[in-house]
């Protein structure tokens, strides 16, 4: 209740009025019953027992044959590579999948010279599944009588007997370079490998016998004897696509096809004049004296026009 009262100050007739306001009291908050929210002793014991059982089951399964490796599945690789992978992991047969060290397994498989990369999966209860990306062989490196199979990324996959893999191009190297199976070829061979690596993924109309590499000049020697001049190592896939269009068009006497400038391919022949040189009335040597038959330049122009009609601008052979 609010009330008023008057106060009389001494020495004056004026009275000061004072108002008293009674504020309502707040309701008392009831405390939270923590005891009701806490788990019971019985539920704690049950949860603890389940955890102990799970941990004990894990260690039992890890150290027994419950999840032992019985099968090693290899996908994505030819049979020969899959066999090498299984042989490398033969010692892991019988080991529990839970105890298997995948880091070590990955390292052992990656060390195989025929494997580029691999992924692993524990397929319970008894299978180790491996998906392999194999190395892709693109050439045979020759050094004297020795031969090595080399992948697209320059890895030495195997030592070969003389004459093996005749369908692959040969890259000849001099003495003084050491090659080790599983290692990487010297960087000086990168250009030669780049010149032949795209051939595995395209329908090239001729078989490549060997690769010639000089300073900024790459050439492929075809099995027919024709020299395919690529120039430097740039746009190799485009140059090979153009060459795939050009080669069926050239004459049987052609000795080289130059695609170093892809939009202006040129074909030519080596010509030997049967008679003595004869100077024309104008003083200009005849075509027989130049060693190049009449029409060689025209051949290049004809190839270009045919390619434009056939749509050689596409890089797809």
Protein backbone atom coordinates (compact mmCIF):
# COMPACT_ATOMS: atom_id res chain seq x y z
CA UNK A 1 0.00 0.00 0.00
CA UNK A 2 1.21 3.49 -0.74
CA UNK A 3 0.62 6.15 1.86
CA UNK A 4 1.31 9.78 2.44
CA UNK A 5 2.72 11.48 5.41
CA UNK A 6 3.44 15.09 6.19
CA UNK A 7 6.51 16.41 7.81
CA UNK A 8 6.62 19.77 9.55
CA UNK A 9 9.96 21.43 9.46
CA UNK A 10 10.86 23.45 12.42
CA UNK A 11 10.80 27.18 11.88
CA UNK A 12 8.47 27.05 8.88
CA UNK A 13 4.85 26.65 8.09
CA UNK A 14 5.38 24.65 4.86
CA UNK A 15 4.90 20.89 5.16
CA UNK A 16 6.74 18.44 2.81
CA UNK A 17 4.67 15.53 1.58
CA UNK A 18 6.41 12.16 1.19
CA UNK A 19 5.02 9.25 -0.83
CA UNK A 20 5.97 5.69 0.05
CA UNK A 21 5.63 3.06 -2.75
CA UNK A 22 5.60 -0.59 -1.81
CA UNK A 23 7.21 -2.72 -4.62
CA UNK A 24 5.94 -6.27 -5.09
CA UNK A 25 8.28 -8.99 -4.02
CA UNK A 26 9.59 -11.35 -6.76
CA UNK A 27 8.58 -14.94 -6.66
CA UNK A 28 11.24 -17.22 -5.25
CA UNK A 29 12.82 -19.41 -7.97
CA UNK A 30 12.67 -23.10 -7.40
CA UNK A 31 16.06 -24.80 -7.68
CA UNK A 32 16.86 -27.36 -10.47
CA UNK A 33 16.73 -30.90 -9.27
CA UNK A 34 20.15 -32.09 -10.48
CA UNK A 35 19.76 -35.43 -8.80
CA UNK A 36 16.83 -36.28 -11.07
CA UNK A 37 18.88 -35.49 -14.25
CA UNK A 38 21.98 -37.47 -13.31
CA UNK A 39 22.18 -41.06 -14.63
CA UNK A 40 21.57 -43.78 -12.19
CA UNK A 41 24.32 -46.00 -10.90
CA UNK A 42 22.80 -48.93 -12.75
CA UNK A 43 22.89 -47.15 -16.15
CA UNK A 44 26.50 -46.11 -15.57
CA UNK A 45 27.47 -49.67 -14.85
CA UNK A 46 25.71 -50.90 -18.01
CA UNK A 47 27.45 -48.28 -20.22
CA UNK A 48 30.79 -49.06 -18.65
CA UNK A 49 30.27 -52.77 -19.26
CA UNK A 50 29.41 -52.20 -22.94
CA UNK A 51 32.55 -50.08 -23.45
CA UNK A 52 34.76 -52.68 -21.80
CA UNK A 53 33.20 -55.42 -23.93
CA UNK A 54 33.74 -53.43 -27.17
CA UNK A 55 37.38 -52.70 -26.35
CA UNK A 56 38.04 -56.30 -25.39
CA UNK A 57 36.32 -57.50 -28.59
CA UNK A 58 38.51 -55.19 -30.71
CA UNK A 59 41.75 -56.54 -29.24
CA UNK A 60 40.53 -60.12 -29.53
CA UNK A 61 39.60 -59.60 -33.18
CA UNK A 62 42.91 -57.87 -33.89
CA UNK A 63 45.04 -60.61 -32.44
CA UNK A 64 43.07 -63.61 -33.67
CA UNK A 65 41.96 -64.95 -37.04
CA UNK A 66 38.43 -63.54 -36.80
CA UNK A 67 39.30 -60.90 -39.45
CA UNK A 68 42.41 -62.51 -40.92
CA UNK A 69 43.31 -61.68 -44.54
CA UNK A 70 42.42 -64.61 -46.76
CA UNK A 71 41.95 -62.91 -50.11
CA UNK A 72 43.86 -60.09 -51.83
CA UNK A 73 41.77 -58.59 -54.62
CA UNK A 74 43.58 -56.47 -57.22
CA UNK A 75 41.52 -54.37 -59.63
CA UNK A 76 42.50 -52.01 -62.44
CA UNK A 77 45.68 -53.80 -63.52
CA UNK A 78 46.54 -56.52 -66.07
CA UNK A 79 47.04 -60.04 -64.77
CA UNK A 80 50.82 -59.78 -64.79
CA UNK A 81 50.80 -56.65 -62.60
CA UNK A 82 48.11 -58.08 -60.30
CA UNK A 83 50.30 -61.15 -59.78
CA UNK A 84 53.25 -58.96 -58.81
CA UNK A 85 51.10 -57.10 -56.27
CA UNK A 86 49.87 -60.34 -54.69
CA UNK A 87 53.41 -61.69 -54.53
CA UNK A 88 54.60 -58.52 -52.80
CA UNK A 89 51.87 -58.86 -50.14
CA UNK A 90 52.03 -62.61 -49.72
CA UNK A 91 53.41 -62.21 -46.21
CA UNK A 92 50.27 -60.35 -45.10
CA UNK A 93 47.95 -63.31 -45.74
CA UNK A 94 46.71 -64.47 -42.32
CA UNK A 95 47.27 -61.09 -40.67
CA UNK A 96 44.19 -59.49 -39.14
CA UNK A 97 42.72 -56.64 -41.17
CA UNK A 98 42.62 -54.62 -37.95
CA UNK A 99 46.32 -55.15 -37.39
CA UNK A 100 47.39 -54.54 -41.01
CA UNK A 101 49.71 -51.54 -41.45
CA UNK A 102 48.29 -49.87 -44.56
CA UNK A 103 51.13 -47.33 -44.72
CA UNK A 104 53.66 -50.12 -45.04
CA UNK A 105 51.48 -52.00 -47.55
CA UNK A 106 51.12 -48.84 -49.65
CA UNK A 107 54.88 -48.34 -49.65
CA UNK A 108 55.57 -51.91 -50.72
CA UNK A 109 53.10 -51.76 -53.60
CA UNK A 110 54.34 -48.34 -54.75
CA UNK A 111 57.87 -49.75 -54.93
CA UNK A 112 56.81 -52.13 -57.71
CA UNK A 113 58.14 -50.72 -61.02
CA UNK A 114 54.90 -51.58 -62.81
CA UNK A 115 52.62 -49.67 -60.41
CA UNK A 116 52.04 -45.93 -60.71
CA UNK A 117 49.67 -45.63 -57.72
CA UNK A 118 47.27 -47.69 -55.63
CA UNK A 119 44.42 -47.32 -53.14
CA UNK A 120 43.50 -49.82 -50.40
CA UNK A 121 40.34 -50.90 -48.62
CA UNK A 122 39.68 -53.33 -45.76
CA UNK A 123 36.75 -55.37 -47.01
CA UNK A 124 35.69 -57.23 -43.87
CA UNK A 125 35.74 -59.95 -42.86
CA UNK A 126 38.65 -61.44 -44.84
CA UNK A 127 39.50 -59.39 -47.96
CA UNK A 128 42.11 -56.74 -48.69
CA UNK A 129 40.98 -54.87 -51.80
CA UNK A 130 43.52 -52.92 -53.89
CA UNK A 131 42.79 -50.68 -56.88
CA UNK A 132 45.94 -50.23 -58.96
CA UNK A 133 46.85 -47.64 -61.59
CA UNK A 134 49.59 -49.40 -63.60
CA UNK A 135 52.50 -47.75 -65.31
CA UNK A 136 51.90 -47.31 -69.04
CA UNK A 137 54.82 -48.52 -71.22
CA UNK A 138 55.51 -46.27 -74.22
CA UNK A 139 59.08 -46.99 -75.36
CA UNK A 140 62.12 -49.22 -75.13
CA UNK A 141 65.40 -47.55 -74.21
CA UNK A 142 68.40 -49.14 -75.91
CA UNK A 143 71.99 -48.86 -74.75
CA UNK A 144 74.18 -51.15 -76.80
CA UNK A 145 72.81 -54.67 -76.40
CA UNK A 146 70.80 -53.75 -73.28
CA UNK A 147 67.12 -52.82 -73.34
CA UNK A 148 64.70 -51.38 -70.77
CA UNK A 149 60.96 -50.92 -70.84
CA UNK A 150 60.06 -47.31 -69.95
CA UNK A 151 56.70 -45.84 -68.93
CA UNK A 152 55.10 -42.57 -70.01
CA UNK A 153 56.35 -40.81 -66.88
CA UNK A 154 59.91 -42.07 -67.38
CA UNK A 155 59.96 -44.97 -64.93
CA UNK A 156 62.06 -47.99 -65.86
CA UNK A 157 59.61 -50.87 -65.61
CA UNK A 158 61.78 -53.84 -66.54
CA UNK A 159 64.92 -55.07 -68.24
CA UNK A 160 64.12 -56.67 -71.58
CA UNK A 161 65.81 -59.30 -73.74
CA UNK A 162 66.98 -58.22 -77.16
CA UNK A 163 64.10 -57.81 -79.60
CA UNK A 164 61.32 -57.80 -77.00
CA UNK A 165 58.34 -55.47 -77.40
CA UNK A 166 58.90 -54.84 -81.14
CA UNK A 167 55.74 -52.71 -81.37
CA UNK A 168 57.22 -50.00 -79.13
CA UNK A 169 59.54 -47.22 -80.39
CA UNK A 170 63.25 -47.42 -79.60
CA UNK A 171 65.12 -44.60 -77.90
CA UNK A 172 68.88 -45.01 -78.28
CA UNK A 173 71.27 -43.64 -75.64
CA UNK A 174 75.04 -43.64 -75.38
CA UNK A 175 77.24 -45.22 -72.77
CA UNK A 176 77.81 -43.57 -69.43
CA UNK A 177 74.22 -43.54 -68.18
CA UNK A 178 73.16 -46.08 -65.57
CA UNK A 179 69.64 -47.48 -65.66
CA UNK A 180 68.02 -49.24 -62.69
CA UNK A 181 64.69 -51.03 -62.73
CA UNK A 182 62.26 -48.94 -60.70
CA UNK A 183 64.24 -45.76 -61.23
CA UNK A 184 63.56 -42.75 -63.45
CA UNK A 185 65.32 -42.10 -66.76
CA UNK A 186 67.50 -38.98 -67.07
CA UNK A 187 65.70 -35.73 -67.82
CA UNK A 188 67.42 -35.55 -71.21
CA UNK A 189 65.00 -38.25 -72.40
CA UNK A 190 61.86 -36.36 -71.37
CA UNK A 191 61.42 -34.88 -74.84
CA UNK A 192 61.69 -38.26 -76.55
CA UNK A 193 59.13 -39.78 -74.17
CA UNK A 194 56.80 -36.83 -74.69
CA UNK A 195 56.98 -37.46 -78.44
CA UNK A 196 55.81 -41.08 -78.21
CA UNK A 197 53.60 -41.08 -75.10
CA UNK A 198 50.45 -39.84 -76.93
CA UNK A 199 50.68 -42.66 -79.50
CA UNK A 200 49.18 -45.19 -77.05
CA UNK A 201 45.94 -43.25 -76.88
CA UNK A 202 45.41 -42.54 -80.57
CA UNK A 203 44.90 -44.44 -83.81
CA UNK A 204 48.16 -43.60 -85.47
CA UNK A 205 48.33 -44.95 -89.03
CA UNK A 206 52.00 -45.97 -88.95
CA UNK A 207 54.32 -47.86 -86.67
CA UNK A 208 57.09 -45.80 -85.07
CA UNK A 209 60.46 -47.58 -85.10
CA UNK A 210 62.63 -45.11 -83.18
CA UNK A 211 63.00 -41.57 -81.85
CA UNK A 212 65.69 -39.07 -82.81
CA UNK A 213 66.32 -36.20 -80.45
CA UNK A 214 68.63 -33.27 -81.08
CA UNK A 215 68.69 -29.74 -79.71
CA UNK A 216 65.05 -28.58 -79.92
CA UNK A 217 64.42 -31.07 -82.72
CA UNK A 218 62.42 -34.25 -82.34
CA UNK A 219 61.87 -36.76 -85.13
CA UNK A 220 60.08 -40.09 -85.28
CA UNK A 221 61.44 -42.67 -87.70
CA UNK A 222 58.59 -44.78 -88.99
CA UNK A 223 58.91 -48.47 -89.77
CA UNK A 224 58.49 -47.59 -93.45
CA UNK A 225 61.59 -45.39 -93.30
CA UNK A 226 59.72 -42.08 -93.44
CA UNK A 227 61.01 -39.46 -91.00
CA UNK A 228 58.32 -37.54 -89.13
CA UNK A 229 59.73 -34.19 -88.05
CA UNK A 230 58.04 -32.69 -84.98
CA UNK A 231 60.30 -29.75 -84.23
CA UNK A 232 60.38 -28.94 -80.52
CA UNK A 233 58.42 -30.73 -77.82
CA UNK A 234 55.53 -28.27 -77.76
CA UNK A 235 52.03 -29.24 -78.99
CA UNK A 236 53.18 -32.82 -79.62
CA UNK A 237 49.66 -34.24 -79.46
CA UNK A 238 48.43 -31.74 -82.06
CA UNK A 239 51.41 -32.45 -84.34
CA UNK A 240 50.82 -36.19 -84.14
CA UNK A 241 47.13 -35.67 -84.92
CA UNK A 242 48.06 -33.67 -88.02
CA UNK A 243 50.61 -36.32 -89.00
CA UNK A 244 47.93 -38.99 -88.69
CA UNK A 245 45.92 -37.09 -91.32
CA UNK A 246 48.92 -36.39 -93.57
CA UNK A 247 50.58 -39.80 -93.77
CA UNK A 248 47.80 -41.52 -95.74
CA UNK A 249 47.98 -38.69 -98.32
CA UNK A 250 51.69 -38.73 -99.16
CA UNK A 251 53.23 -40.53 -102.10
CA UNK A 252 55.17 -43.75 -101.76
CA UNK A 253 58.40 -41.89 -102.61
CA UNK A 254 58.05 -39.59 -99.58
CA UNK A 255 61.00 -39.66 -97.24
CA UNK A 256 59.98 -37.08 -94.65
CA UNK A 257 56.89 -35.34 -93.35
CA UNK A 258 57.40 -32.09 -91.43
CA UNK A 259 54.65 -31.10 -88.99
CA UNK A 260 56.76 -28.77 -86.84
CA UNK A 261 54.30 -26.05 -87.90
CA UNK A 262 51.02 -27.99 -87.53
CA UNK A 263 48.94 -25.80 -89.85
CA UNK A 264 51.51 -26.06 -92.67
CA UNK A 265 52.60 -29.71 -92.99
CA UNK A 266 55.17 -30.43 -95.69
CA UNK A 267 56.21 -33.72 -97.31
CA UNK A 268 59.37 -34.25 -99.33
CA UNK A 269 61.51 -36.86 -101.07
CA UNK A 270 65.24 -37.40 -101.42
CA UNK A 271 66.11 -37.21 -105.10
CA UNK A 272 69.36 -38.31 -106.77
CA UNK A 273 69.96 -36.80 -110.22
CA UNK A 274 71.05 -39.49 -112.70
CA UNK A 275 72.82 -37.01 -115.02
CA UNK A 276 75.39 -34.28 -114.61
CA UNK A 277 74.13 -30.91 -113.40
CA UNK A 278 72.74 -28.72 -116.15
CA UNK A 279 72.40 -24.97 -115.78
CA UNK A 280 69.32 -23.40 -117.32
CA UNK A 281 69.48 -20.42 -119.66
CA UNK A 282 68.57 -18.10 -116.84
CA UNK A 283 71.49 -19.33 -114.77
CA UNK A 284 69.23 -20.86 -112.15
CA UNK A 285 69.92 -24.54 -111.32
CA UNK A 286 67.23 -26.89 -112.45
CA UNK A 287 65.20 -29.02 -110.07
CA UNK A 288 67.55 -31.92 -110.74
CA UNK A 289 70.49 -29.89 -109.42
CA UNK A 290 68.76 -28.88 -106.18
CA UNK A 291 68.27 -32.49 -105.14
CA UNK A 292 64.54 -31.87 -104.62
CA UNK A 293 62.07 -32.90 -107.31
CA UNK A 294 59.73 -30.44 -108.90
CA UNK A 295 56.46 -30.28 -106.98
CA UNK A 296 57.85 -30.75 -103.47
CA UNK A 297 56.61 -27.31 -102.36
CA UNK A 298 53.35 -27.94 -104.13
CA UNK A 299 53.04 -31.19 -102.20
CA UNK A 300 53.11 -29.23 -98.94
CA UNK A 301 50.44 -26.84 -100.22
CA UNK A 302 48.30 -29.75 -101.42
CA UNK A 303 48.55 -31.44 -98.02
CA UNK A 304 47.47 -28.25 -96.30
CA UNK A 305 44.46 -27.80 -98.56
CA UNK A 306 43.39 -31.42 -98.09
CA UNK A 307 43.73 -31.12 -94.34
CA UNK A 308 41.57 -28.02 -94.32
CA UNK A 309 38.88 -29.89 -96.22
CA UNK A 310 39.12 -32.89 -93.90
CA UNK A 311 39.07 -30.70 -90.76
CA UNK A 312 42.61 -31.21 -89.54
CA UNK A 313 42.19 -28.45 -87.02
CA UNK A 314 40.85 -31.07 -84.64
CA UNK A 315 43.35 -32.70 -82.33
CA UNK A 316 41.40 -35.95 -82.35
CA UNK A 317 42.93 -38.39 -84.84
